[in-house]
Amino acid sequence: MCLYASHGANWGSGAGIPRTCQTSFVRITCAMRRLTSSELQHAIAVEVGKHELDAENITDIELIVSVCAGLVVIDEEATLSV
């Protein structure tokens, strides 16, 4: 069974993993300042063409860090770096 199966159909198939990792890198590297964990979670949850944020799209921060294979790190101030 896939490690991410409990996170919906896309996670179970593995289809959402590359998107989450790529989106995390883009958001972190293009930010004008270091992002907090919550800011990254919300930035990834945004859907193009939608006017409201769907809370169900917010991904657990530990999962984001995990799928990025250690390339995204949360420091003691809860900010992120690549």
N, C-alpha and C. Protein backbone atom coordinates (compact mmCIF):
# COMPACT_ATOMS: atom_id res chain seq x y z
N MET A 1 0.84 -1.19 0.00
CA MET A 1 0.00 0.00 0.00
C MET A 1 0.88 1.24 0.00
N CYS A 2 0.46 2.24 -0.75
CA CYS A 2 1.22 3.48 -0.86
C CYS A 2 1.18 4.24 0.46
N LEU A 3 2.31 4.82 0.84
CA LEU A 3 2.43 5.60 2.06
C LEU A 3 1.44 6.75 2.10
N TYR A 4 1.09 7.31 0.93
CA TYR A 4 0.24 8.49 0.86
C TYR A 4 -1.22 8.15 0.57
N ALA A 5 -1.60 6.90 0.67
CA ALA A 5 -2.96 6.48 0.32
C ALA A 5 -4.02 7.14 1.18
N SER A 6 -3.70 7.51 2.38
CA SER A 6 -4.69 8.13 3.26
C SER A 6 -4.95 9.59 2.91
N HIS A 7 -4.27 10.13 1.91
CA HIS A 7 -4.41 11.54 1.56
C HIS A 7 -5.18 11.75 0.28
N GLY A 8 -6.07 10.83 -0.06
CA GLY A 8 -6.93 11.02 -1.23
C GLY A 8 -6.44 10.26 -2.44
N ALA A 9 -7.24 10.28 -3.49
CA ALA A 9 -6.94 9.50 -4.69
C ALA A 9 -5.64 9.92 -5.34
N ASN A 10 -5.38 11.22 -5.44
CA ASN A 10 -4.15 11.65 -6.08
C ASN A 10 -2.92 11.22 -5.31
N TRP A 11 -2.98 11.28 -3.98
CA TRP A 11 -1.84 10.83 -3.19
C TRP A 11 -1.66 9.32 -3.31
N GLY A 12 -2.76 8.58 -3.31
CA GLY A 12 -2.68 7.14 -3.39
C GLY A 12 -2.04 6.68 -4.69
N SER A 13 -2.30 7.40 -5.77
CA SER A 13 -1.71 7.04 -7.05
C SER A 13 -0.31 7.61 -7.21
N GLY A 14 0.06 8.53 -6.32
CA GLY A 14 1.36 9.17 -6.42
C GLY A 14 1.35 10.37 -7.35
N ALA A 15 0.21 10.67 -7.98
CA ALA A 15 0.14 11.75 -8.96
C ALA A 15 0.37 13.13 -8.35
N GLY A 16 -0.01 13.33 -7.08
CA GLY A 16 0.14 14.64 -6.46
C GLY A 16 1.51 14.92 -5.89
N ILE A 17 2.34 13.90 -5.76
CA ILE A 17 3.65 14.06 -5.14
C ILE A 17 4.57 14.98 -5.94
N PRO A 18 4.79 14.75 -7.23
CA PRO A 18 5.67 15.67 -7.98
C PRO A 18 5.13 17.10 -8.01
N ARG A 19 3.82 17.27 -8.13
CA ARG A 19 3.23 18.60 -8.15
C ARG A 19 3.48 19.32 -6.84
N THR A 20 3.28 18.64 -5.73
CA THR A 20 3.48 19.26 -4.42
C THR A 20 4.93 19.66 -4.23
N CYS A 21 5.84 18.80 -4.59
CA CYS A 21 7.27 19.09 -4.45
C CYS A 21 7.66 20.26 -5.35
N GLN A 22 7.27 20.22 -6.61
CA GLN A 22 7.62 21.29 -7.54
C GLN A 22 7.01 22.62 -7.10
N THR A 23 5.75 22.60 -6.71
CA THR A 23 5.09 23.82 -6.27
C THR A 23 5.76 24.38 -5.02
N SER A 24 6.18 23.51 -4.11
CA SER A 24 6.88 23.95 -2.90
C SER A 24 8.16 24.68 -3.27
N PHE A 25 8.96 24.09 -4.15
CA PHE A 25 10.21 24.72 -4.56
C PHE A 25 9.97 26.08 -5.21
N VAL A 26 8.99 26.17 -6.08
CA VAL A 26 8.69 27.43 -6.76
C VAL A 26 8.27 28.49 -5.75
N ARG A 27 7.35 28.14 -4.85
CA ARG A 27 6.86 29.11 -3.87
C ARG A 27 7.98 29.58 -2.94
N ILE A 28 8.82 28.67 -2.48
CA ILE A 28 9.90 29.02 -1.55
C ILE A 28 10.96 29.87 -2.24
N THR A 29 11.38 29.48 -3.43
CA THR A 29 12.46 30.20 -4.10
C THR A 29 12.03 31.54 -4.67
N CYS A 30 10.76 31.71 -4.99
CA CYS A 30 10.28 32.98 -5.56
C CYS A 30 9.76 33.95 -4.49
N ALA A 31 9.66 33.50 -3.26
CA ALA A 31 9.15 34.36 -2.19
C ALA A 31 10.15 35.48 -1.90
N MET A 32 9.62 36.63 -1.54
CA MET A 32 10.46 37.79 -1.22
C MET A 32 11.11 37.67 0.16
N ARG A 33 10.60 36.76 0.96
CA ARG A 33 11.14 36.51 2.30
C ARG A 33 10.90 35.03 2.62
N ARG A 34 11.45 34.59 3.74
CA ARG A 34 11.24 33.20 4.14
C ARG A 34 9.78 33.00 4.52
N LEU A 35 9.20 31.90 4.04
CA LEU A 35 7.80 31.59 4.32
C LEU A 35 7.66 30.78 5.59
N THR A 36 6.54 30.96 6.25
CA THR A 36 6.22 30.09 7.39
C THR A 36 5.59 28.82 6.83
N SER A 37 5.49 27.82 7.67
CA SER A 37 4.87 26.56 7.26
C SER A 37 3.45 26.79 6.77
N SER A 38 2.70 27.57 7.51
CA SER A 38 1.31 27.85 7.16
C SER A 38 1.21 28.59 5.82
N GLU A 39 2.09 29.53 5.57
CA GLU A 39 2.08 30.26 4.30
C GLU A 39 2.34 29.33 3.13
N LEU A 40 3.28 28.41 3.28
CA LEU A 40 3.55 27.47 2.21
C LEU A 40 2.36 26.54 1.98
N GLN A 41 1.77 26.05 3.04
CA GLN A 41 0.60 25.18 2.91
C GLN A 41 -0.51 25.88 2.14
N HIS A 42 -0.76 27.13 2.45
CA HIS A 42 -1.81 27.88 1.77
C HIS A 42 -1.43 28.20 0.33
N ALA A 43 -0.16 28.51 0.09
CA ALA A 43 0.29 28.80 -1.28
C ALA A 43 0.14 27.58 -2.19
N ILE A 44 0.41 26.41 -1.67
CA ILE A 44 0.26 25.18 -2.45
C ILE A 44 -1.22 24.86 -2.69
N ALA A 45 -2.07 25.22 -1.74
CA ALA A 45 -3.50 24.89 -1.83
C ALA A 45 -4.26 25.73 -2.84
N VAL A 46 -3.68 26.84 -3.28
CA VAL A 46 -4.37 27.73 -4.22
C VAL A 46 -4.56 27.02 -5.56
N GLU A 47 -5.77 27.14 -6.10
CA GLU A 47 -6.09 26.56 -7.40
C GLU A 47 -6.30 27.68 -8.41
N VAL A 48 -5.66 27.58 -9.57
CA VAL A 48 -5.79 28.57 -10.62
C VAL A 48 -7.25 28.66 -11.04
N GLY A 49 -7.75 29.88 -11.14
CA GLY A 49 -9.12 30.10 -11.57
C GLY A 49 -10.15 30.09 -10.46
N LYS A 50 -9.74 29.75 -9.26
CA LYS A 50 -10.67 29.72 -8.12
C LYS A 50 -10.54 31.03 -7.34
N HIS A 51 -11.66 31.50 -6.81
CA HIS A 51 -11.66 32.76 -6.07
C HIS A 51 -11.62 32.55 -4.56
N GLU A 52 -11.79 31.31 -4.12
CA GLU A 52 -11.75 31.01 -2.70
C GLU A 52 -10.85 29.80 -2.46
N LEU A 53 -10.21 29.79 -1.31
CA LEU A 53 -9.34 28.69 -0.93
C LEU A 53 -10.18 27.56 -0.36
N ASP A 54 -9.99 26.36 -0.88
CA ASP A 54 -10.67 25.18 -0.36
C ASP A 54 -9.79 24.58 0.73
N ALA A 55 -10.27 24.60 1.96
CA ALA A 55 -9.49 24.10 3.10
C ALA A 55 -9.08 22.64 2.94
N GLU A 56 -9.81 21.88 2.13
CA GLU A 56 -9.46 20.48 1.92
C GLU A 56 -8.19 20.32 1.08
N ASN A 57 -7.76 21.38 0.41
CA ASN A 57 -6.54 21.32 -0.40
C ASN A 57 -5.28 21.59 0.41
N ILE A 58 -5.42 21.95 1.67
CA ILE A 58 -4.26 22.25 2.50
C ILE A 58 -3.58 20.94 2.89
N THR A 59 -2.32 20.82 2.51
CA THR A 59 -1.53 19.61 2.74
C THR A 59 -0.76 19.73 4.05
N ASP A 60 -0.71 18.66 4.80
CA ASP A 60 0.04 18.62 6.06
C ASP A 60 1.51 18.96 5.80
N ILE A 61 2.09 19.82 6.62
CA ILE A 61 3.46 20.29 6.39
C ILE A 61 4.48 19.15 6.46
N GLU A 62 4.25 18.18 7.31
CA GLU A 62 5.17 17.05 7.39
C GLU A 62 5.18 16.25 6.09
N LEU A 63 4.03 16.17 5.45
CA LEU A 63 3.94 15.47 4.17
C LEU A 63 4.68 16.25 3.09
N ILE A 64 4.54 17.58 3.10
CA ILE A 64 5.25 18.41 2.13
C ILE A 64 6.75 18.21 2.26
N VAL A 65 7.25 18.27 3.49
CA VAL A 65 8.68 18.08 3.73
C VAL A 65 9.11 16.69 3.30
N SER A 66 8.30 15.69 3.58
CA SER A 66 8.62 14.31 3.24
C SER A 66 8.73 14.09 1.73
N VAL A 67 7.75 14.59 0.96
CA VAL A 67 7.77 14.35 -0.48
C VAL A 67 8.87 15.14 -1.18
N CYS A 68 9.40 16.16 -0.51
CA CYS A 68 10.51 16.92 -1.09
C CYS A 68 11.86 16.30 -0.73
N ALA A 69 11.84 15.12 -0.18
CA ALA A 69 13.03 14.29 0.07
C ALA A 69 14.14 15.02 0.83
N GLY A 70 13.74 15.80 1.84
CA GLY A 70 14.73 16.48 2.66
C GLY A 70 15.28 17.77 2.07
N LEU A 71 14.82 18.16 0.89
CA LEU A 71 15.31 19.39 0.27
C LEU A 71 14.61 20.63 0.80
N VAL A 72 13.49 20.44 1.50
CA VAL A 72 12.80 21.52 2.18
C VAL A 72 12.94 21.25 3.67
N VAL A 73 13.37 22.27 4.41
CA VAL A 73 13.64 22.10 5.84
C VAL A 73 12.87 23.14 6.63
N ILE A 74 12.29 22.72 7.76
CA ILE A 74 11.64 23.65 8.68
C ILE A 74 12.62 23.94 9.81
N ASP A 75 12.91 25.23 10.03
CA ASP A 75 13.84 25.56 11.10
C ASP A 75 13.11 25.77 12.42
N GLU A 76 13.84 26.10 13.47
CA GLU A 76 13.26 26.24 14.81
C GLU A 76 12.29 27.41 14.91
N GLU A 77 12.32 28.35 13.98
CA GLU A 77 11.37 29.46 13.96
C GLU A 77 10.16 29.17 13.09
N ALA A 78 10.03 27.93 12.63
CA ALA A 78 8.93 27.47 11.77
C ALA A 78 8.92 28.17 10.42
N THR A 79 10.11 28.56 9.94
CA THR A 79 10.20 29.07 8.58
C THR A 79 10.86 28.01 7.73
N LEU A 80 10.70 28.14 6.42
CA LEU A 80 11.16 27.11 5.50
C LEU A 80 12.35 27.56 4.68
N SER A 81 13.17 26.62 4.31
CA SER A 81 14.29 26.91 3.41
C SER A 81 14.54 25.70 2.52
N VAL A 82 15.19 25.97 1.41
CA VAL A 82 15.53 24.91 0.45
C VAL A 82 17.01 24.68 0.54
